[in-house]
Structure formats: C-alpha cells, structure tokens
C-alpha cells in the first residue's frame, strides 16, 4: 500500500523533540489522463530463479496505471514548514527488497540519516548502485540470497535513483527528506500525508518518467485538505 513509505512519522518520544507537528492532513489522488504506455515484457530467460517467482510474465513498471490512477508517485511537502524545523531520523530502518529481480518498493521515502536496509531475497547476484546528485553514491555487491546491507543518505534529495548493474531493468527511487511529511501513491492512486501543523503548503508529486506537478493547499488544525495531481502521457 501507499502508506508504508510514510512510516517513521509517529516515533512517540523521539518526535516530541522534533520540529512542529499537528493534526492537519492532506489526502488526494493521482489520476492518469489518456492512454498509458503499453508495458513491455522483461526478459528474465537468463535468470530462471527470478522468472520462477512471477506467476505472470514480468513487465516493465515505469508507469503503473490501474483504473485511470497512477501508482508510485512520490508526494511530499516541498515548502511551507517553518524555517529551520528539524526532524530526527526514525530509528526504524526502511527496507528495500530485491525479489524476483525486481525492487520492492520501487518508490519510497526516508529521512536524511535514516537507515535503508537493502535486502537480496534472490539466489542470484545483485549489484546495487546509487546515483545521487547531492549525496555520496555507493556501489555494493550482494552475491547471495538473504544478504542485507545498510546505507544512509545525509542530505535531502528528491530523488536518488537506485539501479542494478547486473539487471538493467531493475530501478528504484528514494526520496531523502528533511521531514516526515511525504507519501507514495498506491495502486489506487491515493495518498495521505498526516501530522501536519496548520499552514499553507506547496505539495509536489514526482514521477520517474512523467515529471512533477505542484499544488498549494491550506489546512487548519484538525482539517483534512485535498489535492489532485493529474498526469498524462509523457510528451
């Protein structure tokens, strides 16, 4: 679901010392207008151990649309929080799994300094390469099933691409944030950002091939604001 990526917003005592939070929320949908691109099959002929994990032939996942709604859009507060507000990184790591030669989740968010646990659930070699702009990249090899490697990014950056040097179809994207106010649109295109202080916010929705959309939303204490980010076929 789309809620997983927002984990880390409610850390209890740790959050008490953090920047401001509140009782406002912003929820919405990410429609896709027009005809989505046709998925193409992924050739896993040389990775039978991965191919065997897929009950239907694996397909490319850049644009995932169901019922006119777009999944895997990263939606976050781009501006509007008080200057200098600091939010400690949650102690709980976020896991990105390699299973069936596919990254899961494909799009997710962490706070700067939060541990990312990279897991290999396949009995094949994966080589994970991070290609950031503002952060230090990495290039790690995981040759065996069950391996985990921990990494962190220290600087906010939307987004950091992850790729596999062994399997060219494997891609994932992580949003490194200075605050916990972000979400990822689910299979039904919905997202929810909770715990906001009252205020006026610029919200941005990012998609790996379709670009970005922005909206301005004002919410008061206890209010539920809404936003719609409509995307269409890539130009």
Protein backbone atom coordinates (compact mmCIF):
# COMPACT_ATOMS: atom_id res chain seq x y z
CA UNK A 1 0.00 0.00 0.00
CA UNK A 2 0.90 3.63 -0.30
CA UNK A 3 1.05 4.16 3.45
CA UNK A 4 4.20 2.13 4.02
CA UNK A 5 6.55 4.84 2.84
CA UNK A 6 5.26 7.30 5.39
CA UNK A 7 6.44 5.09 8.22
CA UNK A 8 8.50 6.93 10.75
CA UNK A 9 6.12 9.83 11.25
CA UNK A 10 4.96 8.70 14.67
CA UNK A 11 8.02 7.85 16.72
CA UNK A 12 6.49 8.85 20.06
CA UNK A 13 9.07 10.26 22.41
CA UNK A 14 11.58 10.87 19.64
CA UNK A 15 9.10 13.05 17.77
CA UNK A 16 8.50 15.20 20.84
CA UNK A 17 11.86 16.89 20.40
CA UNK A 18 11.36 17.33 16.67
CA UNK A 19 10.06 20.18 14.56
CA UNK A 20 6.39 21.07 14.69
CA UNK A 21 3.69 18.53 14.01
CA UNK A 22 -0.07 18.93 14.17
CA UNK A 23 -3.47 17.47 13.46
CA UNK A 24 -3.92 18.54 9.84
CA UNK A 25 -3.67 16.18 6.89
CA UNK A 26 -3.64 16.32 3.12
CA UNK A 27 -5.03 13.46 1.06
CA UNK A 28 -5.74 13.06 -2.60
CA UNK A 29 -5.38 11.12 -5.79
CA UNK A 30 -3.01 10.97 -8.75
CA UNK A 31 -5.07 10.38 -11.92
CA UNK A 32 -3.55 9.44 -15.25
CA UNK A 33 -5.36 11.05 -18.16
CA UNK A 34 -5.16 9.40 -21.56
CA UNK A 35 -3.83 6.02 -22.61
CA UNK A 36 -0.93 4.75 -20.52
CA UNK A 37 2.10 3.33 -22.30
CA UNK A 38 1.91 -0.39 -23.00
CA UNK A 39 4.07 -2.40 -20.60
CA UNK A 40 6.77 -4.47 -22.27
CA UNK A 41 7.93 -7.91 -21.13
CA UNK A 42 11.16 -8.21 -19.15
CA UNK A 43 13.45 -10.92 -20.49
CA UNK A 44 14.48 -12.97 -17.46
CA UNK A 45 15.44 -16.01 -19.56
CA UNK A 46 18.94 -16.00 -18.07
CA UNK A 47 17.62 -15.65 -14.51
CA UNK A 48 15.28 -18.63 -14.17
CA UNK A 49 15.35 -18.37 -10.36
CA UNK A 50 13.83 -14.89 -10.67
CA UNK A 51 11.47 -15.76 -13.51
CA UNK A 52 10.07 -18.64 -11.44
CA UNK A 53 8.92 -16.17 -8.78
CA UNK A 54 6.49 -14.47 -11.18
CA UNK A 55 3.11 -16.11 -11.73
CA UNK A 56 2.60 -13.94 -14.83
CA UNK A 57 5.37 -12.74 -17.17
CA UNK A 58 7.16 -9.79 -15.53
CA UNK A 59 6.60 -6.46 -17.27
CA UNK A 60 8.25 -3.04 -17.16
CA UNK A 61 6.99 -0.88 -14.31
CA UNK A 62 7.86 2.74 -15.17
CA UNK A 63 4.21 3.80 -15.49
CA UNK A 64 1.80 1.74 -13.39
CA UNK A 65 -1.84 2.70 -14.07
CA UNK A 66 -4.97 0.90 -12.90
CA UNK A 67 -8.46 2.26 -13.30
CA UNK A 68 -7.11 5.56 -14.54
CA UNK A 69 -4.99 6.06 -11.41
CA UNK A 70 -1.21 6.32 -11.23
CA UNK A 71 0.85 4.42 -8.65
CA UNK A 72 4.40 5.18 -7.49
CA UNK A 73 4.14 8.97 -7.46
CA UNK A 74 6.18 10.45 -4.60
CA UNK A 75 4.09 13.18 -2.96
CA UNK A 76 5.72 15.48 -0.41
CA UNK A 77 5.67 18.87 1.26
CA UNK A 78 8.09 20.93 -0.81
CA UNK A 79 7.73 24.16 1.18
CA UNK A 80 5.67 25.76 3.92
CA UNK A 81 7.19 24.28 7.06
CA UNK A 82 8.88 26.73 9.48
CA UNK A 83 12.45 27.59 8.52
CA UNK A 84 14.96 25.51 10.42
CA UNK A 85 12.44 22.91 11.63
CA UNK A 86 14.41 19.76 12.42
CA UNK A 87 13.00 16.25 12.44
CA UNK A 88 15.23 13.48 13.80
CA UNK A 89 15.58 10.40 11.64
CA UNK A 90 13.48 7.47 12.90
CA UNK A 91 15.42 4.60 14.42
CA UNK A 92 13.37 2.14 12.36
CA UNK A 93 15.01 1.30 9.02
CA UNK A 94 13.19 1.26 5.69
CA UNK A 95 13.73 -1.98 3.76
CA UNK A 96 14.08 -2.20 0.00
CA UNK A 97 13.94 -5.80 -1.16
CA UNK A 98 15.23 -7.44 -4.33
CA UNK A 99 12.82 -10.27 -5.04
CA UNK A 100 12.25 -11.87 -8.42
CA UNK A 101 14.85 -9.44 -9.82
CA UNK A 102 12.52 -6.52 -9.03
CA UNK A 103 12.97 -3.78 -6.42
CA UNK A 104 10.20 -3.57 -3.83
CA UNK A 105 9.13 -0.91 -3.18
CA UNK A 106 10.05 0.82 -6.39
CA UNK A 107 9.48 4.30 -4.91
CA UNK A 108 9.86 5.14 -1.23
CA UNK A 109 10.97 7.86 1.15
CA UNK A 110 13.29 8.15 4.14
CA UNK A 111 14.50 10.94 6.38
CA UNK A 112 18.07 12.10 5.99
CA UNK A 113 20.18 9.87 8.21
CA UNK A 114 17.58 7.09 8.36
CA UNK A 115 18.89 3.59 7.70
CA UNK A 116 17.96 1.94 4.40
CA UNK A 117 18.20 -1.83 4.67
CA UNK A 118 18.92 -3.31 1.24
CA UNK A 119 17.95 -6.98 1.10
CA UNK A 120 18.63 -9.66 -1.52
CA UNK A 121 15.87 -12.27 -1.49
CA UNK A 122 17.09 -13.85 -4.74
CA UNK A 123 19.61 -16.69 -5.16
CA UNK A 124 21.42 -14.57 -7.76
CA UNK A 125 23.99 -11.79 -7.74
CA UNK A 126 22.67 -8.24 -7.45
CA UNK A 127 24.89 -5.17 -7.64
CA UNK A 128 23.16 -2.12 -6.21
CA UNK A 129 24.34 1.27 -7.41
CA UNK A 130 23.02 4.58 -6.03
CA UNK A 131 23.38 7.56 -8.36
CA UNK A 132 22.62 10.66 -6.26
CA UNK A 133 23.42 14.29 -7.03
CA UNK A 134 23.65 15.82 -3.57
CA UNK A 135 24.61 12.70 -1.60
CA UNK A 136 27.50 10.29 -1.68
CA UNK A 137 26.77 7.40 -4.01
CA UNK A 138 27.52 3.76 -3.40
CA UNK A 139 28.06 0.58 -5.37
CA UNK A 140 27.63 -2.66 -3.45
CA UNK A 141 27.55 -6.31 -4.43
CA UNK A 142 25.17 -8.84 -2.88
CA UNK A 143 26.05 -12.25 -4.33
CA UNK A 144 23.94 -14.47 -2.07
CA UNK A 145 20.32 -14.88 -1.03
CA UNK A 146 19.46 -13.38 2.35
CA UNK A 147 22.21 -10.74 2.39
CA UNK A 148 21.38 -7.34 3.85
CA UNK A 149 23.41 -4.15 3.61
CA UNK A 150 22.66 -0.89 5.42
CA UNK A 151 23.22 2.54 3.91
CA UNK A 152 22.14 6.10 4.71
CA UNK A 153 21.86 9.40 2.83
CA UNK A 154 22.65 12.53 4.83
CA UNK A 155 21.30 15.30 2.57
CA UNK A 156 17.70 15.85 1.44
CA UNK A 157 17.37 14.97 -2.24
CA UNK A 158 14.36 14.22 -4.48
CA UNK A 159 15.01 11.66 -5.88
CA UNK A 160 18.00 9.29 -5.60
CA UNK A 161 17.98 6.58 -8.29
CA UNK A 162 18.95 3.00 -7.43
CA UNK A 163 19.87 0.59 -10.19
CA UNK A 164 21.31 -2.88 -10.60
CA UNK A 165 24.47 -3.25 -12.67
CA UNK A 166 23.58 -6.89 -13.38
CA UNK A 167 19.93 -6.48 -14.40
CA UNK A 168 19.30 -3.37 -16.47
CA UNK A 169 15.54 -3.40 -15.90
CA UNK A 170 15.89 -3.01 -12.13
CA UNK A 171 15.27 0.55 -10.92
CA UNK A 172 14.07 2.14 -7.71
CA UNK A 173 13.89 5.70 -6.41
CA UNK A 174 14.22 7.02 -2.87
CA UNK A 175 13.19 10.47 -1.71
CA UNK A 176 15.53 11.71 1.02
CA UNK A 177 13.60 14.18 3.17
CA UNK A 178 14.26 16.64 5.99
CA UNK A 179 10.78 15.97 7.44
CA UNK A 180 8.26 13.11 7.63
CA UNK A 181 5.53 14.71 5.50
CA UNK A 182 5.55 12.52 2.41
CA UNK A 183 3.73 9.57 0.89
CA UNK A 184 3.68 7.39 -2.23
CA UNK A 185 0.55 6.93 -4.31
CA UNK A 186 -0.78 3.40 -4.01
CA UNK A 187 -2.17 1.08 -6.65
CA UNK A 188 -5.44 3.06 -6.47
CA UNK A 189 -3.60 6.36 -6.98
CA UNK A 190 -4.34 7.59 -3.46
CA UNK A 191 -2.01 9.17 -0.93
CA UNK A 192 -2.29 10.67 2.56
CA UNK A 193 0.12 12.95 4.42
CA UNK A 194 -0.70 13.24 8.13
CA UNK A 195 0.53 15.04 11.23
CA UNK A 196 0.91 18.46 9.64
CA UNK A 197 0.82 21.71 11.58
CA UNK A 198 -1.77 24.22 10.37
CA UNK A 199 -0.40 26.20 7.43
CA UNK A 200 -0.17 26.73 3.70
CA UNK A 201 1.97 24.21 1.87
CA UNK A 202 3.39 23.67 -1.58
CA UNK A 203 2.88 19.97 -2.31
CA UNK A 204 4.77 18.31 -5.14
CA UNK A 205 4.08 14.99 -6.83
CA UNK A 206 7.11 13.44 -8.57
CA UNK A 207 7.04 10.60 -11.09
CA UNK A 208 10.07 8.91 -12.56
CA UNK A 209 9.15 9.42 -16.23
CA UNK A 210 6.22 11.87 -16.19
CA UNK A 211 7.79 14.78 -14.33
CA UNK A 212 6.31 16.78 -11.47
CA UNK A 213 3.06 18.52 -10.56
CA UNK A 214 2.55 21.01 -7.74
CA UNK A 215 -0.40 22.29 -5.74
CA UNK A 216 -0.88 24.78 -2.92
CA UNK A 217 -3.00 23.57 -0.02
CA UNK A 218 -4.02 25.47 3.13
CA UNK A 219 -5.11 23.45 6.17
CA UNK A 220 -6.14 24.41 9.69
CA UNK A 221 -5.83 22.37 12.87
CA UNK A 222 -7.74 19.13 12.50
CA UNK A 223 -8.60 19.83 8.88
CA UNK A 224 -8.24 17.36 6.03
CA UNK A 225 -7.09 19.15 2.89
CA UNK A 226 -7.14 17.59 -0.54
CA UNK A 227 -5.06 17.73 -3.70
CA UNK A 228 -5.26 16.13 -7.13
CA UNK A 229 -2.16 15.71 -9.30
CA UNK A 230 -3.18 14.78 -12.84
CA UNK A 231 -0.53 13.30 -15.12
CA UNK A 232 -0.73 12.33 -18.75
CA UNK A 233 1.40 10.51 -21.32
CA UNK A 234 4.99 11.69 -21.45
CA UNK A 235 5.47 14.30 -24.15
